[in-house]
PDB file of N, CA and C in Angstrom:
ATOM      1  N   MET A   1     -18.889 -36.139  -6.798  1.00  0.00           N
ATOM      2  CA  MET A   1     -19.652 -34.975  -6.392  1.00  0.00           C
ATOM      3  C   MET A   1     -20.847 -34.821  -7.331  1.00  0.00           C
ATOM      4  N   ASP A   2     -21.948 -34.504  -6.765  1.00  0.00           N
ATOM      5  CA  ASP A   2     -23.181 -34.249  -7.502  1.00  0.00           C
ATOM      6  C   ASP A   2     -22.976 -33.063  -8.438  1.00  0.00           C
ATOM      7  N   GLU A   3     -23.420 -33.210  -9.697  1.00  0.00           N
ATOM      8  CA  GLU A   3     -23.250 -32.129 -10.675  1.00  0.00           C
ATOM      9  C   GLU A   3     -23.964 -30.860 -10.225  1.00  0.00           C
ATOM     10  N   GLY A   4     -25.111 -31.018  -9.599  1.00  0.00           N
ATOM     11  CA  GLY A   4     -25.837 -29.849  -9.113  1.00  0.00           C
ATOM     12  C   GLY A   4     -25.055 -29.103  -8.046  1.00  0.00           C
ATOM     13  N   LEU A   5     -24.414 -29.853  -7.158  1.00  0.00           N
ATOM     14  CA  LEU A   5     -23.610 -29.224  -6.110  1.00  0.00           C
ATOM     15  C   LEU A   5     -22.418 -28.496  -6.711  1.00  0.00           C
ATOM     16  N   SER A   6     -21.752 -29.110  -7.681  1.00  0.00           N
ATOM     17  CA  SER A   6     -20.590 -28.448  -8.280  1.00  0.00           C
ATOM     18  C   SER A   6     -21.013 -27.162  -8.989  1.00  0.00           C
ATOM     19  N   LYS A   7     -22.181 -27.147  -9.617  1.00  0.00           N
ATOM     20  CA  LYS A   7     -22.672 -25.927 -10.264  1.00  0.00           C
ATOM     21  C   LYS A   7     -22.976 -24.845  -9.226  1.00  0.00           C
ATOM     22  N   LEU A   8     -23.556 -25.244  -8.104  1.00  0.00           N
ATOM     23  CA  LEU A   8     -23.827 -24.280  -7.039  1.00  0.00           C
ATOM     24  C   LEU A   8     -22.538 -23.712  -6.470  1.00  0.00           C
ATOM     25  N   LEU A   9     -21.536 -24.557  -6.313  1.00  0.00           N
ATOM     26  CA  LEU A   9     -20.248 -24.087  -5.802  1.00  0.00           C
ATOM     27  C   LEU A   9     -19.585 -23.131  -6.790  1.00  0.00           C
ATOM     28  N   LEU A  10     -19.697 -23.393  -8.084  1.00  0.00           N
ATOM     29  CA  LEU A  10     -19.156 -22.470  -9.085  1.00  0.00           C
ATOM     30  C   LEU A  10     -19.878 -21.121  -9.026  1.00  0.00           C
ATOM     31  N   ARG A  11     -21.198 -21.162  -8.874  1.00  0.00           N
ATOM     32  CA  ARG A  11     -21.958 -19.903  -8.748  1.00  0.00           C
ATOM     33  C   ARG A  11     -21.540 -19.151  -7.495  1.00  0.00           C
ATOM     34  N   ALA A  12     -21.360 -19.888  -6.391  1.00  0.00           N
ATOM     35  CA  ALA A  12     -20.948 -19.261  -5.139  1.00  0.00           C
ATOM     36  C   ALA A  12     -19.552 -18.651  -5.275  1.00  0.00           C
ATOM     37  N   LEU A  13     -18.646 -19.350  -5.951  1.00  0.00           N
ATOM     38  CA  LEU A  13     -17.302 -18.811  -6.168  1.00  0.00           C
ATOM     39  C   LEU A  13     -17.380 -17.541  -7.020  1.00  0.00           C
ATOM     40  N   GLY A  14     -18.184 -17.572  -8.057  1.00  0.00           N
ATOM     41  CA  GLY A  14     -18.350 -16.388  -8.893  1.00  0.00           C
ATOM     42  C   GLY A  14     -18.878 -15.201  -8.108  1.00  0.00           C
ATOM     43  N   GLN A  15     -19.843 -15.456  -7.240  1.00  0.00           N
ATOM     44  CA  GLN A  15     -20.386 -14.377  -6.415  1.00  0.00           C
ATOM     45  C   GLN A  15     -19.325 -13.838  -5.454  1.00  0.00           C
ATOM     46  N   ARG A  16     -18.522 -14.748  -4.900  1.00  0.00           N
ATOM     47  CA  ARG A  16     -17.450 -14.341  -3.978  1.00  0.00           C
ATOM     48  C   ARG A  16     -16.432 -13.463  -4.712  1.00  0.00           C
ATOM     49  N   ILE A  17     -16.055 -13.873  -5.907  1.00  0.00           N
ATOM     50  CA  ILE A  17     -15.109 -13.085  -6.690  1.00  0.00           C
ATOM     51  C   ILE A  17     -15.689 -11.709  -6.995  1.00  0.00           C
ATOM     52  N   ARG A  18     -16.961 -11.655  -7.393  1.00  0.00           N
ATOM     53  CA  ARG A  18     -17.615 -10.367  -7.685  1.00  0.00           C
ATOM     54  C   ARG A  18     -17.628  -9.480  -6.440  1.00  0.00           C
ATOM     55  N   GLU A  19     -17.966 -10.065  -5.284  1.00  0.00           N
ATOM     56  CA  GLU A  19     -18.006  -9.285  -4.036  1.00  0.00           C
ATOM     57  C   GLU A  19     -16.637  -8.682  -3.727  1.00  0.00           C
ATOM     58  N   LEU A  20     -15.600  -9.517  -3.783  1.00  0.00           N
ATOM     59  CA  LEU A  20     -14.249  -9.036  -3.479  1.00  0.00           C
ATOM     60  C   LEU A  20     -13.783  -8.005  -4.502  1.00  0.00           C
ATOM     61  N   ARG A  21     -14.111  -8.230  -5.768  1.00  0.00           N
ATOM     62  CA  ARG A  21     -13.725  -7.290  -6.831  1.00  0.00           C
ATOM     63  C   ARG A  21     -14.351  -5.921  -6.590  1.00  0.00           C
ATOM     64  N   THR A  22     -15.653  -5.907  -6.308  1.00  0.00           N
ATOM     65  CA  THR A  22     -16.334  -4.618  -6.125  1.00  0.00           C
ATOM     66  C   THR A  22     -15.871  -3.928  -4.844  1.00  0.00           C
ATOM     67  N   GLU A  23     -15.574  -4.707  -3.784  1.00  0.00           N
ATOM     68  CA  GLU A  23     -15.045  -4.116  -2.553  1.00  0.00           C
ATOM     69  C   GLU A  23     -13.733  -3.381  -2.810  1.00  0.00           C
ATOM     70  N   ARG A  24     -12.964  -3.883  -3.775  1.00  0.00           N
ATOM     71  CA  ARG A  24     -11.667  -3.295  -4.080  1.00  0.00           C
ATOM     72  C   ARG A  24     -11.742  -2.225  -5.175  1.00  0.00           C
ATOM     73  N   GLY A  25     -12.957  -1.957  -5.647  1.00  0.00           N
ATOM     74  CA  GLY A  25     -13.169  -0.867  -6.585  1.00  0.00           C
ATOM     75  C   GLY A  25     -12.840  -1.165  -8.040  1.00  0.00           C
ATOM     76  N   TYR A  26     -12.702  -2.442  -8.367  1.00  0.00           N
ATOM     77  CA  TYR A  26     -12.421  -2.810  -9.759  1.00  0.00           C
ATOM     78  C   TYR A  26     -13.714  -2.892 -10.561  1.00  0.00           C
ATOM     79  N   SER A  27     -13.659  -2.395 -11.791  1.00  0.00           N
ATOM     80  CA  SER A  27     -14.720  -2.714 -12.741  1.00  0.00           C
ATOM     81  C   SER A  27     -14.440  -4.136 -13.202  1.00  0.00           C
ATOM     82  N   GLN A  28     -15.439  -4.774 -13.783  1.00  0.00           N
ATOM     83  CA  GLN A  28     -15.222  -6.136 -14.265  1.00  0.00           C
ATOM     84  C   GLN A  28     -14.153  -6.154 -15.356  1.00  0.00           C
ATOM     85  N   GLU A  29     -14.209  -5.189 -16.252  1.00  0.00           N
ATOM     86  CA  GLU A  29     -13.238  -5.125 -17.349  1.00  0.00           C
ATOM     87  C   GLU A  29     -11.830  -4.840 -16.827  1.00  0.00           C
ATOM     88  N   GLY A  30     -11.703  -3.903 -15.909  1.00  0.00           N
ATOM     89  CA  GLY A  30     -10.398  -3.571 -15.342  1.00  0.00           C
ATOM     90  C   GLY A  30      -9.804  -4.736 -14.569  1.00  0.00           C
ATOM     91  N   PHE A  31     -10.670  -5.447 -13.852  1.00  0.00           N
ATOM     92  CA  PHE A  31     -10.207  -6.608 -13.091  1.00  0.00           C
ATOM     93  C   PHE A  31      -9.746  -7.716 -14.029  1.00  0.00           C
ATOM     94  N   ALA A  32     -10.495  -7.937 -15.088  1.00  0.00           N
ATOM     95  CA  ALA A  32     -10.100  -8.952 -16.071  1.00  0.00           C
ATOM     96  C   ALA A  32      -8.730  -8.615 -16.652  1.00  0.00           C
ATOM     97  N   ASP A  33      -8.507  -7.340 -16.974  1.00  0.00           N
ATOM     98  CA  ASP A  33      -7.214  -6.912 -17.495  1.00  0.00           C
ATOM     99  C   ASP A  33      -6.097  -7.195 -16.494  1.00  0.00           C
ATOM    100  N   GLU A  34      -6.331  -6.875 -15.238  1.00  0.00           N
ATOM    101  CA  GLU A  34      -5.326  -7.124 -14.190  1.00  0.00           C
ATOM    102  C   GLU A  34      -5.025  -8.610 -14.033  1.00  0.00           C
ATOM    103  N   CYS A  35      -6.039  -9.441 -14.213  1.00  0.00           N
ATOM    104  CA  CYS A  35      -5.863 -10.901 -14.092  1.00  0.00           C
ATOM    105  C   CYS A  35      -5.257 -11.508 -15.348  1.00  0.00           C
ATOM    106  N   GLY A  36      -5.294 -10.764 -16.453  1.00  0.00           N
ATOM    107  CA  GLY A  36      -4.771 -11.282 -17.712  1.00  0.00           C
ATOM    108  C   GLY A  36      -5.723 -12.225 -18.421  1.00  0.00           C
ATOM    109  N   VAL A  37      -7.038 -11.998 -18.212  1.00  0.00           N
ATOM    110  CA  VAL A  37      -8.055 -12.800 -18.907  1.00  0.00           C
ATOM    111  C   VAL A  37      -8.984 -11.857 -19.665  1.00  0.00           C
ATOM    112  N   HIS A  38      -9.727 -12.392 -20.604  1.00  0.00           N
ATOM    113  CA  HIS A  38     -10.651 -11.584 -21.391  1.00  0.00           C
ATOM    114  C   HIS A  38     -11.840 -11.174 -20.526  1.00  0.00           C
ATOM    115  N   ARG A  39     -12.376  -9.995 -20.802  1.00  0.00           N
ATOM    116  CA  ARG A  39     -13.489  -9.481 -19.986  1.00  0.00           C
ATOM    117  C   ARG A  39     -14.719 -10.378 -20.064  1.00  0.00           C
ATOM    118  N   THR A  40     -14.978 -10.982 -21.225  1.00  0.00           N
ATOM    119  CA  THR A  40     -16.155 -11.853 -21.314  1.00  0.00           C
ATOM    120  C   THR A  40     -15.953 -13.132 -20.502  1.00  0.00           C
ATOM    121  N   PHE A  41     -14.713 -13.598 -20.429  1.00  0.00           N
ATOM    122  CA  PHE A  41     -14.414 -14.765 -19.596  1.00  0.00           C
ATOM    123  C   PHE A  41     -14.668 -14.430 -18.129  1.00  0.00           C
ATOM    124  N   MET A  42     -14.287 -13.231 -17.710  1.00  0.00           N
ATOM    125  CA  MET A  42     -14.526 -12.834 -16.319  1.00  0.00           C
ATOM    126  C   MET A  42     -16.018 -12.816 -16.029  1.00  0.00           C
ATOM    127  N   GLY A  43     -16.812 -12.412 -16.991  1.00  0.00           N
ATOM    128  CA  GLY A  43     -18.270 -12.441 -16.803  1.00  0.00           C
ATOM    129  C   GLY A  43     -18.771 -13.856 -16.587  1.00  0.00           C
ATOM    130  N   THR A  44     -18.250 -14.803 -17.356  1.00  0.00           N
ATOM    131  CA  THR A  44     -18.688 -16.197 -17.182  1.00  0.00           C
ATOM    132  C   THR A  44     -18.230 -16.742 -15.836  1.00  0.00           C
ATOM    133  N   ILE A  45     -17.079 -16.282 -15.359  1.00  0.00           N
ATOM    134  CA  ILE A  45     -16.599 -16.700 -14.032  1.00  0.00           C
ATOM    135  C   ILE A  45     -17.566 -16.202 -12.966  1.00  0.00           C
ATOM    136  N   GLU A  46     -17.896 -14.929 -13.016  1.00  0.00           N
ATOM    137  CA  GLU A  46     -18.739 -14.329 -11.987  1.00  0.00           C
ATOM    138  C   GLU A  46     -20.170 -14.861 -12.010  1.00  0.00           C
ATOM    139  N   ARG A  47     -20.610 -15.355 -13.149  1.00  0.00           N
ATOM    140  CA  ARG A  47     -21.944 -15.965 -13.216  1.00  0.00           C
ATOM    141  C   ARG A  47     -21.911 -17.453 -12.880  1.00  0.00           C
ATOM    142  N   GLY A  48     -20.727 -17.987 -12.623  1.00  0.00           N
ATOM    143  CA  GLY A  48     -20.598 -19.398 -12.288  1.00  0.00           C
ATOM    144  C   GLY A  48     -20.742 -20.317 -13.481  1.00  0.00           C
ATOM    145  N   GLU A  49     -20.437 -19.805 -14.663  1.00  0.00           N
ATOM    146  CA  GLU A  49     -20.579 -20.586 -15.887  1.00  0.00           C
ATOM    147  C   GLU A  49     -19.271 -21.224 -16.344  1.00  0.00           C
ATOM    148  N   SER A  50     -18.150 -20.831 -15.734  1.00  0.00           N
ATOM    149  CA  SER A  50     -16.843 -21.356 -16.138  1.00  0.00           C
ATOM    150  C   SER A  50     -16.213 -22.136 -15.000  1.00  0.00           C
ATOM    151  N   ASN A  51     -15.683 -23.295 -15.345  1.00  0.00           N
ATOM    152  CA  ASN A  51     -14.929 -24.102 -14.393  1.00  0.00           C
ATOM    153  C   ASN A  51     -13.480 -23.667 -14.506  1.00  0.00           C
ATOM    154  N   LEU A  52     -13.022 -22.869 -13.562  1.00  0.00           N
ATOM    155  CA  LEU A  52     -11.703 -22.263 -13.630  1.00  0.00           C
ATOM    156  C   LEU A  52     -10.575 -23.266 -13.442  1.00  0.00           C
ATOM    157  N   SER A  53      -9.485 -23.040 -14.157  1.00  0.00           N
ATOM    158  CA  SER A  53      -8.270 -23.817 -13.910  1.00  0.00           C
ATOM    159  C   SER A  53      -7.637 -23.298 -12.621  1.00  0.00           C
ATOM    160  N   PHE A  54      -6.746 -24.094 -12.065  1.00  0.00           N
ATOM    161  CA  PHE A  54      -6.058 -23.654 -10.856  1.00  0.00           C
ATOM    162  C   PHE A  54      -5.248 -22.391 -11.133  1.00  0.00           C
ATOM    163  N   GLN A  55      -4.649 -22.306 -12.315  1.00  0.00           N
ATOM    164  CA  GLN A  55      -3.864 -21.118 -12.657  1.00  0.00           C
ATOM    165  C   GLN A  55      -4.725 -19.863 -12.631  1.00  0.00           C
ATOM    166  N   ASN A  56      -5.941 -19.959 -13.169  1.00  0.00           N
ATOM    167  CA  ASN A  56      -6.824 -18.786 -13.158  1.00  0.00           C
ATOM    168  C   ASN A  56      -7.320 -18.474 -11.755  1.00  0.00           C
ATOM    169  N   ILE A  57      -7.558 -19.482 -10.948  1.00  0.00           N
ATOM    170  CA  ILE A  57      -7.944 -19.245  -9.557  1.00  0.00           C
ATOM    171  C   ILE A  57      -6.820 -18.503  -8.838  1.00  0.00           C
ATOM    172  N   ALA A  58      -5.589 -18.944  -9.057  1.00  0.00           N
ATOM    173  CA  ALA A  58      -4.436 -18.289  -8.424  1.00  0.00           C
ATOM    174  C   ALA A  58      -4.289 -16.851  -8.905  1.00  0.00           C
ATOM    175  N   LYS A  59      -4.501 -16.595 -10.199  1.00  0.00           N
ATOM    176  CA  LYS A  59      -4.432 -15.228 -10.730  1.00  0.00           C
ATOM    177  C   LYS A  59      -5.465 -14.333 -10.059  1.00  0.00           C
ATOM    178  N   VAL A  60      -6.683 -14.855  -9.932  1.00  0.00           N
ATOM    179  CA  VAL A  60      -7.761 -14.077  -9.319  1.00  0.00           C
ATOM    180  C   VAL A  60      -7.423 -13.748  -7.867  1.00  0.00           C
ATOM    181  N   ALA A  61      -6.983 -14.746  -7.112  1.00  0.00           N
ATOM    182  CA  ALA A  61      -6.653 -14.527  -5.700  1.00  0.00           C
ATOM    183  C   ALA A  61      -5.511 -13.519  -5.555  1.00  0.00           C
ATOM    184  N   THR A  62      -4.486 -13.669  -6.381  1.00  0.00           N
ATOM    185  CA  THR A  62      -3.347 -12.754  -6.321  1.00  0.00           C
ATOM    186  C   THR A  62      -3.769 -11.331  -6.644  1.00  0.00           C
ATOM    187  N   THR A  63      -4.566 -11.163  -7.687  1.00  0.00           N
ATOM    188  CA  THR A  63      -5.021  -9.828  -8.080  1.00  0.00           C
ATOM    189  C   THR A  63      -5.893  -9.205  -6.994  1.00  0.00           C
ATOM    190  N   LEU A  64      -6.694 -10.024  -6.338  1.00  0.00           N
ATOM    191  CA  LEU A  64      -7.541  -9.527  -5.255  1.00  0.00           C
ATOM    192  C   LEU A  64      -6.754  -9.289  -3.966  1.00  0.00           C
ATOM    193  N   GLY A  65      -5.548  -9.851  -3.899  1.00  0.00           N
ATOM    194  CA  GLY A  65      -4.734  -9.696  -2.688  1.00  0.00           C
ATOM    195  C   GLY A  65      -5.215 -10.555  -1.536  1.00  0.00           C
ATOM    196  N   VAL A  66      -5.792 -11.703  -1.860  1.00  0.00           N
ATOM    197  CA  VAL A  66      -6.268 -12.616  -0.812  1.00  0.00           C
ATOM    198  C   VAL A  66      -5.592 -13.976  -0.983  1.00  0.00           C
ATOM    199  N   PRO A  67      -5.399 -14.696   0.128  1.00  0.00           N
ATOM    200  CA  PRO A  67      -4.884 -16.060  -0.011  1.00  0.00           C
ATOM    201  C   PRO A  67      -5.965 -16.946  -0.632  1.00  0.00           C
ATOM    202  N   LEU A  68      -5.552 -18.068  -1.182  1.00  0.00           N
ATOM    203  CA  LEU A  68      -6.532 -18.991  -1.772  1.00  0.00           C
ATOM    204  C   LEU A  68      -7.613 -19.354  -0.761  1.00  0.00           C
ATOM    205  N   SER A  69      -7.209 -19.564   0.486  1.00  0.00           N
ATOM    206  CA  SER A  69      -8.210 -19.916   1.506  1.00  0.00           C
ATOM    207  C   SER A  69      -9.229 -18.799   1.687  1.00  0.00           C
ATOM    208  N   GLY A  70      -8.803 -17.549   1.534  1.00  0.00           N
ATOM    209  CA  GLY A  70      -9.723 -16.425   1.641  1.00  0.00           C
ATOM    210  C   GLY A  70     -10.703 -16.367   0.486  1.00  0.00           C
ATOM    211  N   LEU A  71     -10.229 -16.773  -0.680  1.00  0.00           N
ATOM    212  CA  LEU A  71     -11.114 -16.796  -1.846  1.00  0.00           C
ATOM    213  C   LEU A  71     -12.217 -17.832  -1.673  1.00  0.00           C
ATOM    214  N   PHE A  72     -11.873 -18.952  -1.056  1.00  0.00           N
ATOM    215  CA  PHE A  72     -12.830 -20.047  -0.891  1.00  0.00           C
ATOM    216  C   PHE A  72     -13.616 -19.984   0.422  1.00  0.00           C
ATOM    217  N   ALA A  73     -13.318 -19.016   1.258  1.00  0.00           N
ATOM    218  CA  ALA A  73     -13.978 -18.916   2.564  1.00  0.00           C
ATOM    219  C   ALA A  73     -15.493 -18.786   2.416  1.00  0.00           C
ATOM    220  N   GLY A  74     -16.213 -19.674   3.063  1.00  0.00           N
ATOM    221  CA  GLY A  74     -17.667 -19.599   3.116  1.00  0.00           C
ATOM    222  C   GLY A  74     -18.397 -20.097   1.883  1.00  0.00           C
ATOM    223  N   LEU A  75     -17.696 -20.710   0.932  1.00  0.00           N
ATOM    224  CA  LEU A  75     -18.371 -21.133  -0.303  1.00  0.00           C
ATOM    225  C   LEU A  75     -19.435 -22.195  -0.070  1.00  0.00           C
ATOM    226  N   GLU A  76     -19.170 -23.132   0.833  1.00  0.00           N
ATOM    227  CA  GLU A  76     -20.161 -24.192   1.065  1.00  0.00           C
ATOM    228  C   GLU A  76     -21.466 -23.615   1.585  1.00  0.00           C
ATOM    229  N   SER A  77     -21.379 -22.698   2.547  1.00  0.00           N
ATOM    230  CA  SER A  77     -22.611 -22.118   3.084  1.00  0.00           C
ATOM    231  C   SER A  77     -23.305 -21.237   2.056  1.00  0.00           C
ATOM    232  N   LYS A  78     -22.520 -20.534   1.228  1.00  0.00           N
ATOM    233  CA  LYS A  78     -23.113 -19.711   0.170  1.00  0.00           C
ATOM    234  C   LYS A  78     -23.832 -20.601  -0.847  1.00  0.00           C
ATOM    235  N   ALA A  79     -23.223 -21.745  -1.188  1.00  0.00           N
ATOM    236  CA  ALA A  79     -23.854 -22.687  -2.123  1.00  0.00           C
ATOM    237  C   ALA A  79     -25.136 -23.256  -1.528  1.00  0.00           C
ATOM    238  N   GLN A  80     -25.134 -23.534  -0.226  1.00  0.00           N
ATOM    239  CA  GLN A  80     -26.343 -24.030   0.430  1.00  0.00           C
ATOM    240  C   GLN A  80     -27.451 -22.982   0.373  1.00  0.00           C
ATOM    241  N   GLY A  81     -27.084 -21.720   0.527  1.00  0.00           N
ATOM    242  CA  GLY A  81     -28.067 -20.645   0.421  1.00  0.00           C
ATOM    243  C   GLY A  81     -28.641 -20.540  -0.978  1.00  0.00           C
ATOM    244  N   LEU A  82     -27.777 -20.711  -1.973  1.00  0.00           N
ATOM    245  CA  LEU A  82     -28.258 -20.699  -3.359  1.00  0.00           C
ATOM    246  C   LEU A  82     -29.207 -21.866  -3.605  1.00  0.00           C
ATOM    247  N   ALA A  83     -28.882 -23.023  -3.048  1.00  0.00           N
ATOM    248  CA  ALA A  83     -29.726 -24.207  -3.221  1.00  0.00           C
ATOM    249  C   ALA A  83     -31.090 -23.989  -2.575  1.00  0.00           C
ATOM    250  N   ALA A  84     -31.095 -23.354  -1.418  1.00  0.00           N
ATOM    251  CA  ALA A  84     -32.348 -23.114  -0.717  1.00  0.00           C
ATOM    252  C   ALA A  84     -33.250 -22.157  -1.487  1.00  0.00           C
ATOM    253  N   ARG A  85     -32.633 -21.217  -2.207  1.00  0.00           N
ATOM    254  CA  ARG A  85     -33.427 -20.259  -2.988  1.00  0.00           C
ATOM    255  C   ARG A  85     -33.881 -20.830  -4.317  1.00  0.00           C
ATOM    256  N   SER A  86     -33.213 -21.873  -4.765  1.00  0.00           N
ATOM    257  CA  SER A  86     -33.571 -22.485  -6.048  1.00  0.00           C
ATOM    258  C   SER A  86     -34.696 -23.477  -5.822  1.00  0.00           C
ATOM    259  N   VAL A  87     -35.775 -23.263  -6.500  1.00  0.00           N
ATOM    260  CA  VAL A  87     -36.918 -24.168  -6.383  1.00  0.00           C
ATOM    261  C   VAL A  87     -36.993 -24.962  -7.688  1.00  0.00           C
ATOM    262  N   PRO A  88     -36.928 -26.287  -7.610  1.00  0.00           N
ATOM    263  CA  PRO A  88     -37.013 -27.083  -8.838  1.00  0.00           C
ATOM    264  C   PRO A  88     -38.302 -26.806  -9.604  1.00  0.00           C
ATOM    265  N   ALA A  89     -38.226 -26.901 -10.932  1.00  0.00           N
ATOM    266  CA  ALA A  89     -39.379 -26.619 -11.784  1.00  0.00           C
ATOM    267  C   ALA A  89     -40.570 -27.499 -11.436  1.00  0.00           C
ATOM    268  N   ALA A  90     -40.335 -28.745 -11.038  1.00  0.00           N
ATOM    269  CA  ALA A  90     -41.414 -29.669 -10.713  1.00  0.00           C
ATOM    270  C   ALA A  90     -42.192 -29.232  -9.471  1.00  0.00           C
ATOM    271  N   VAL A  91     -41.549 -28.409  -8.630  1.00  0.00           N
ATOM    272  CA  VAL A  91     -42.195 -27.967  -7.389  1.00  0.00           C
ATOM    273  C   VAL A  91     -42.955 -26.663  -7.585  1.00  0.00           C
ATOM    274  N   ARG A  92     -42.561 -25.880  -8.591  1.00  0.00           N
ATOM    275  CA  ARG A  92     -43.222 -24.603  -8.837  1.00  0.00           C
ATOM    276  C   ARG A  92     -44.667 -24.818  -9.234  1.00  0.00           C
ATOM    277  N   LYS A  93     -45.489 -23.849  -8.875  1.00  0.00           N
ATOM    278  CA  LYS A  93     -46.888 -23.907  -9.247  1.00  0.00           C
ATOM    279  C   LYS A  93     -47.007 -23.585 -10.728  1.00  0.00           C
ATOM    280  N   PRO A  94     -47.777 -24.359 -11.479  1.00  0.00           N
ATOM    281  CA  PRO A  94     -47.940 -24.054 -12.888  1.00  0.00           C
ATOM    282  C   PRO A  94     -48.721 -22.758 -13.078  1.00  0.00           C
ATOM    283  N   LYS A  95     -48.401 -22.036 -14.150  1.00  0.00           N
ATOM    284  CA  LYS A  95     -49.129 -20.818 -14.459  1.00  0.00           C
ATOM    285  C   LYS A  95     -50.519 -21.180 -14.955  1.00  0.00           C
ATOM    286  N   LYS A  96     -51.488 -20.380 -14.540  1.00  0.00           N
ATOM    287  CA  LYS A  96     -52.850 -20.607 -14.990  1.00  0.00           C
ATOM    288  C   LYS A  96     -52.990 -20.074 -16.403  1.00  0.00           C
ATOM    289  N   THR A  97     -53.589 -20.858 -17.241  1.00  0.00           N
ATOM    290  CA  THR A  97     -53.853 -20.430 -18.624  1.00  0.00           C
ATOM    291  C   THR A  97     -55.356 -20.416 -18.853  1.00  0.00           C
ATOM    292  N   ARG A  98     -55.771 -19.487 -19.610  1.00  0.00           N
ATOM    293  CA  ARG A  98     -57.207 -19.383 -19.910  1.00  0.00           C
ATOM    294  C   ARG A  98     -57.413 -19.203 -21.357  1.00  0.00           C
TER     295      ARG A  98
END
């Protein structure tokens, strides 16, 4: 798997977890406590900076009350959307300097 794709999928998973968490009324800190992980770790999860173990994925799904398939629902399309919004630095217009 392309490293860029795996990073996009991690970001998409983090966004999905954040969406489900907020729908259920959890603060990030309260949700981390319920999952049994540190609050700063939960932040890295939601930003797509942490590659979660299966055990942590299962904890998150259980705490959210969703099956694993529900946690992963739509991640590929969400990652594609993130990719479409990401413009590589080489394509961006350079800033004008004077």
